[in-house]
Amino acid sequence: MTGNERQQTTRRSPLLQAAHEEMIKFERQENEFRRKDREERASELHLPLNDIKIH
């Protein structure tokens, strides 16, 4: 790896790390939203959500 390539990789690394952390944060929020939505729909339909195994 040349010095220029190493410098570009070093500058890009924090950006990739930040993007990865934002993606993880988004996925957690999306999972929480889906869980709440599923619970609300089950409540409206009077479904026993605890008895249903969701994988």
PDB file of N, CA and C in Angstrom:
ATOM      1  N   MET A   1       0.858  -1.167   0.000  1.00  0.00           N
ATOM      2  CA  MET A   1       0.000   0.000   0.000  1.00  0.00           C
ATOM      3  C   MET A   1       0.905   1.230   0.000  1.00  0.00           C
ATOM      4  N   THR A   2       0.620   2.142  -0.876  1.00  0.00           N
ATOM      5  CA  THR A   2       1.432   3.355  -0.929  1.00  0.00           C
ATOM      6  C   THR A   2       1.002   4.323   0.150  1.00  0.00           C
ATOM      7  N   GLY A   3       1.792   5.343   0.363  1.00  0.00           N
ATOM      8  CA  GLY A   3       1.485   6.338   1.382  1.00  0.00           C
ATOM      9  C   GLY A   3       0.161   7.030   1.115  1.00  0.00           C
ATOM     10  N   ASN A   4      -0.122   7.320  -0.158  1.00  0.00           N
ATOM     11  CA  ASN A   4      -1.366   7.995  -0.521  1.00  0.00           C
ATOM     12  C   ASN A   4      -2.582   7.114  -0.226  1.00  0.00           C
ATOM     13  N   GLU A   5      -2.483   5.837  -0.557  1.00  0.00           N
ATOM     14  CA  GLU A   5      -3.588   4.907  -0.285  1.00  0.00           C
ATOM     15  C   GLU A   5      -3.817   4.764   1.217  1.00  0.00           C
ATOM     16  N   ARG A   6      -2.742   4.695   1.976  1.00  0.00           N
ATOM     17  CA  ARG A   6      -2.842   4.574   3.430  1.00  0.00           C
ATOM     18  C   ARG A   6      -3.490   5.827   4.020  1.00  0.00           C
ATOM     19  N   GLN A   7      -3.131   6.990   3.496  1.00  0.00           N
ATOM     20  CA  GLN A   7      -3.706   8.240   3.983  1.00  0.00           C
ATOM     21  C   GLN A   7      -5.204   8.293   3.676  1.00  0.00           C
ATOM     22  N   GLN A   8      -5.603   7.873   2.482  1.00  0.00           N
ATOM     23  CA  GLN A   8      -7.023   7.857   2.124  1.00  0.00           C
ATOM     24  C   GLN A   8      -7.796   6.890   3.011  1.00  0.00           C
ATOM     25  N   THR A   9      -7.221   5.734   3.283  1.00  0.00           N
ATOM     26  CA  THR A   9      -7.862   4.736   4.143  1.00  0.00           C
ATOM     27  C   THR A   9      -8.007   5.277   5.557  1.00  0.00           C
ATOM     28  N   THR A  10      -6.988   5.965   6.047  1.00  0.00           N
ATOM     29  CA  THR A  10      -7.022   6.532   7.396  1.00  0.00           C
ATOM     30  C   THR A  10      -8.107   7.593   7.500  1.00  0.00           C
ATOM     31  N   ARG A  11      -8.266   8.419   6.467  1.00  0.00           N
ATOM     32  CA  ARG A  11      -9.300   9.454   6.499  1.00  0.00           C
ATOM     33  C   ARG A  11     -10.698   8.859   6.350  1.00  0.00           C
ATOM     34  N   ARG A  12     -10.818   7.793   5.604  1.00  0.00           N
ATOM     35  CA  ARG A  12     -12.110   7.173   5.339  1.00  0.00           C
ATOM     36  C   ARG A  12     -12.602   6.356   6.533  1.00  0.00           C
ATOM     37  N   SER A  13     -11.696   5.802   7.316  1.00  0.00           N
ATOM     38  CA  SER A  13     -12.048   4.921   8.417  1.00  0.00           C
ATOM     39  C   SER A  13     -13.023   5.549   9.415  1.00  0.00           C
ATOM     40  N   PRO A  14     -12.801   6.771   9.895  1.00  0.00           N
ATOM     41  CA  PRO A  14     -13.770   7.361  10.836  1.00  0.00           C
ATOM     42  C   PRO A  14     -15.148   7.565  10.204  1.00  0.00           C
ATOM     43  N   LEU A  15     -15.171   7.872   8.920  1.00  0.00           N
ATOM     44  CA  LEU A  15     -16.453   8.049   8.239  1.00  0.00           C
ATOM     45  C   LEU A  15     -17.200   6.724   8.139  1.00  0.00           C
ATOM     46  N   LEU A  16     -16.473   5.664   7.827  1.00  0.00           N
ATOM     47  CA  LEU A  16     -17.107   4.346   7.754  1.00  0.00           C
ATOM     48  C   LEU A  16     -17.596   3.905   9.125  1.00  0.00           C
ATOM     49  N   GLN A  17     -16.820   4.188  10.156  1.00  0.00           N
ATOM     50  CA  GLN A  17     -17.220   3.835  11.518  1.00  0.00           C
ATOM     51  C   GLN A  17     -18.487   4.581  11.911  1.00  0.00           C
ATOM     52  N   ALA A  18     -18.541   5.882  11.603  1.00  0.00           N
ATOM     53  CA  ALA A  18     -19.721   6.693  11.922  1.00  0.00           C
ATOM     54  C   ALA A  18     -20.938   6.185  11.162  1.00  0.00           C
ATOM     55  N   ALA A  19     -20.755   5.847   9.886  1.00  0.00           N
ATOM     56  CA  ALA A  19     -21.867   5.330   9.083  1.00  0.00           C
ATOM     57  C   ALA A  19     -22.364   4.005   9.653  1.00  0.00           C
ATOM     58  N   HIS A  20     -21.440   3.155  10.073  1.00  0.00           N
ATOM     59  CA  HIS A  20     -21.804   1.862  10.649  1.00  0.00           C
ATOM     60  C   HIS A  20     -22.595   2.050  11.946  1.00  0.00           C
ATOM     61  N   GLU A  21     -22.153   2.981  12.786  1.00  0.00           N
ATOM     62  CA  GLU A  21     -22.862   3.242  14.043  1.00  0.00           C
ATOM     63  C   GLU A  21     -24.261   3.799  13.784  1.00  0.00           C
ATOM     64  N   GLU A  22     -24.390   4.667  12.794  1.00  0.00           N
ATOM     65  CA  GLU A  22     -25.706   5.219  12.443  1.00  0.00           C
ATOM     66  C   GLU A  22     -26.630   4.121  11.921  1.00  0.00           C
ATOM     67  N   MET A  23     -26.087   3.181  11.154  1.00  0.00           N
ATOM     68  CA  MET A  23     -26.888   2.085  10.625  1.00  0.00           C
ATOM     69  C   MET A  23     -27.384   1.195  11.763  1.00  0.00           C
ATOM     70  N   ILE A  24     -26.531   0.918  12.719  1.00  0.00           N
ATOM     71  CA  ILE A  24     -26.930   0.115  13.881  1.00  0.00           C
ATOM     72  C   ILE A  24     -28.024   0.836  14.657  1.00  0.00           C
ATOM     73  N   LYS A  25     -27.860   2.133  14.859  1.00  0.00           N
ATOM     74  CA  LYS A  25     -28.855   2.940  15.567  1.00  0.00           C
ATOM     75  C   LYS A  25     -30.196   2.894  14.831  1.00  0.00           C
ATOM     76  N   PHE A  26     -30.154   3.050  13.508  1.00  0.00           N
ATOM     77  CA  PHE A  26     -31.373   3.009  12.708  1.00  0.00           C
ATOM     78  C   PHE A  26     -32.047   1.643  12.815  1.00  0.00           C
ATOM     79  N   GLU A  27     -31.275   0.576  12.726  1.00  0.00           N
ATOM     80  CA  GLU A  27     -31.844  -0.768  12.798  1.00  0.00           C
ATOM     81  C   GLU A  27     -32.511  -1.012  14.150  1.00  0.00           C
ATOM     82  N   ARG A  28     -31.912  -0.528  15.225  1.00  0.00           N
ATOM     83  CA  ARG A  28     -32.531  -0.675  16.552  1.00  0.00           C
ATOM     84  C   ARG A  28     -33.858   0.072  16.610  1.00  0.00           C
ATOM     85  N   GLN A  29     -33.876   1.297  16.086  1.00  0.00           N
ATOM     86  CA  GLN A  29     -35.107   2.086  16.093  1.00  0.00           C
ATOM     87  C   GLN A  29     -36.180   1.415  15.242  1.00  0.00           C
ATOM     88  N   GLU A  30     -35.775   0.888  14.095  1.00  0.00           N
ATOM     89  CA  GLU A  30     -36.721   0.207  13.206  1.00  0.00           C
ATOM     90  C   GLU A  30     -37.289  -1.038  13.880  1.00  0.00           C
ATOM     91  N   ASN A  31     -36.451  -1.809  14.542  1.00  0.00           N
ATOM     92  CA  ASN A  31     -36.917  -2.999  15.247  1.00  0.00           C
ATOM     93  C   ASN A  31     -37.894  -2.632  16.353  1.00  0.00           C
ATOM     94  N   GLU A  32     -37.599  -1.569  17.092  1.00  0.00           N
ATOM     95  CA  GLU A  32     -38.491  -1.108  18.157  1.00  0.00           C
ATOM     96  C   GLU A  32     -39.832  -0.644  17.577  1.00  0.00           C
ATOM     97  N   PHE A  33     -39.770   0.079  16.474  1.00  0.00           N
ATOM     98  CA  PHE A  33     -40.999   0.535  15.818  1.00  0.00           C
ATOM     99  C   PHE A  33     -41.845  -0.654  15.373  1.00  0.00           C
ATOM    100  N   ARG A  34     -41.212  -1.629  14.753  1.00  0.00           N
ATOM    101  CA  ARG A  34     -41.949  -2.812  14.287  1.00  0.00           C
ATOM    102  C   ARG A  34     -42.573  -3.574  15.454  1.00  0.00           C
ATOM    103  N   ARG A  35     -41.834  -3.694  16.565  1.00  0.00           N
ATOM    104  CA  ARG A  35     -42.359  -4.391  17.737  1.00  0.00           C
ATOM    105  C   ARG A  35     -43.594  -3.676  18.272  1.00  0.00           C
ATOM    106  N   LYS A  36     -43.507  -2.358  18.406  1.00  0.00           N
ATOM    107  CA  LYS A  36     -44.647  -1.595  18.905  1.00  0.00           C
ATOM    108  C   LYS A  36     -45.830  -1.678  17.950  1.00  0.00           C
ATOM    109  N   ASP A  37     -45.555  -1.586  16.659  1.00  0.00           N
ATOM    110  CA  ASP A  37     -46.621  -1.672  15.664  1.00  0.00           C
ATOM    111  C   ASP A  37     -47.303  -3.036  15.723  1.00  0.00           C
ATOM    112  N   ARG A  38     -46.509  -4.082  15.850  1.00  0.00           N
ATOM    113  CA  ARG A  38     -47.050  -5.446  15.936  1.00  0.00           C
ATOM    114  C   ARG A  38     -47.930  -5.595  17.175  1.00  0.00           C
ATOM    115  N   GLU A  39     -47.467  -5.035  18.296  1.00  0.00           N
ATOM    116  CA  GLU A  39     -48.248  -5.109  19.533  1.00  0.00           C
ATOM    117  C   GLU A  39     -49.557  -4.325  19.413  1.00  0.00           C
ATOM    118  N   GLU A  40     -49.502  -3.155  18.774  1.00  0.00           N
ATOM    119  CA  GLU A  40     -50.716  -2.355  18.600  1.00  0.00           C
ATOM    120  C   GLU A  40     -51.731  -3.079  17.720  1.00  0.00           C
ATOM    121  N   ARG A  41     -51.250  -3.645  16.623  1.00  0.00           N
ATOM    122  CA  ARG A  41     -52.162  -4.369  15.737  1.00  0.00           C
ATOM    123  C   ARG A  41     -52.748  -5.588  16.424  1.00  0.00           C
ATOM    124  N   ALA A  42     -51.939  -6.291  17.196  1.00  0.00           N
ATOM    125  CA  ALA A  42     -52.434  -7.460  17.919  1.00  0.00           C
ATOM    126  C   ALA A  42     -53.476  -7.044  18.945  1.00  0.00           C
ATOM    127  N   SER A  43     -53.246  -5.921  19.583  1.00  0.00           N
ATOM    128  CA  SER A  43     -54.198  -5.421  20.572  1.00  0.00           C
ATOM    129  C   SER A  43     -55.531  -5.064  19.909  1.00  0.00           C
ATOM    130  N   GLU A  44     -55.449  -4.397  18.767  1.00  0.00           N
ATOM    131  CA  GLU A  44     -56.666  -4.014  18.045  1.00  0.00           C
ATOM    132  C   GLU A  44     -57.451  -5.230  17.586  1.00  0.00           C
ATOM    133  N   LEU A  45     -56.737  -6.275  17.217  1.00  0.00           N
ATOM    134  CA  LEU A  45     -57.396  -7.492  16.724  1.00  0.00           C
ATOM    135  C   LEU A  45     -57.668  -8.484  17.845  1.00  0.00           C
ATOM    136  N   HIS A  46     -57.283  -8.117  19.059  1.00  0.00           N
ATOM    137  CA  HIS A  46     -57.463  -8.971  20.237  1.00  0.00           C
ATOM    138  C   HIS A  46     -56.769 -10.321  20.053  1.00  0.00           C
ATOM    139  N   LEU A  47     -55.540 -10.261  19.545  1.00  0.00           N
ATOM    140  CA  LEU A  47     -54.755 -11.478  19.354  1.00  0.00           C
ATOM    141  C   LEU A  47     -53.855 -11.712  20.563  1.00  0.00           C
ATOM    142  N   PRO A  48     -53.715 -12.959  20.983  1.00  0.00           N
ATOM    143  CA  PRO A  48     -52.802 -13.263  22.095  1.00  0.00           C
ATOM    144  C   PRO A  48     -51.356 -13.303  21.586  1.00  0.00           C
ATOM    145  N   LEU A  49     -50.701 -12.183  21.582  1.00  0.00           N
ATOM    146  CA  LEU A  49     -49.361 -12.080  21.016  1.00  0.00           C
ATOM    147  C   LEU A  49     -48.348 -12.939  21.767  1.00  0.00           C
ATOM    148  N   ASN A  50     -48.542 -13.128  23.056  1.00  0.00           N
ATOM    149  CA  ASN A  50     -47.590 -13.932  23.843  1.00  0.00           C
ATOM    150  C   ASN A  50     -47.610 -15.390  23.430  1.00  0.00           C
ATOM    151  N   ASP A  51     -48.738 -15.882  22.948  1.00  0.00           N
ATOM    152  CA  ASP A  51     -48.835 -17.283  22.547  1.00  0.00           C
ATOM    153  C   ASP A  51     -48.253 -17.543  21.176  1.00  0.00           C
ATOM    154  N   ILE A  52     -48.099 -16.495  20.373  1.00  0.00           N
ATOM    155  CA  ILE A  52     -47.592 -16.628  19.022  1.00  0.00           C
ATOM    156  C   ILE A  52     -46.070 -16.452  19.074  1.00  0.00           C
ATOM    157  N   LYS A  53     -45.357 -17.428  18.537  1.00  0.00           N
ATOM    158  CA  LYS A  53     -43.902 -17.332  18.531  1.00  0.00           C
ATOM    159  C   LYS A  53     -43.475 -16.641  17.244  1.00  0.00           C
ATOM    160  N   ILE A  54     -42.796 -15.517  17.422  1.00  0.00           N
ATOM    161  CA  ILE A  54     -42.319 -14.731  16.281  1.00  0.00           C
ATOM    162  C   ILE A  54     -40.825 -14.934  16.184  1.00  0.00           C
ATOM    163  N   HIS A  55     -40.375 -15.353  15.012  1.00  0.00           N
ATOM    164  CA  HIS A  55     -38.937 -15.618  14.825  1.00  0.00           C
ATOM    165  C   HIS A  55     -38.315 -14.493  14.087  1.00  0.00           C
TER     166      HIS A  55
END
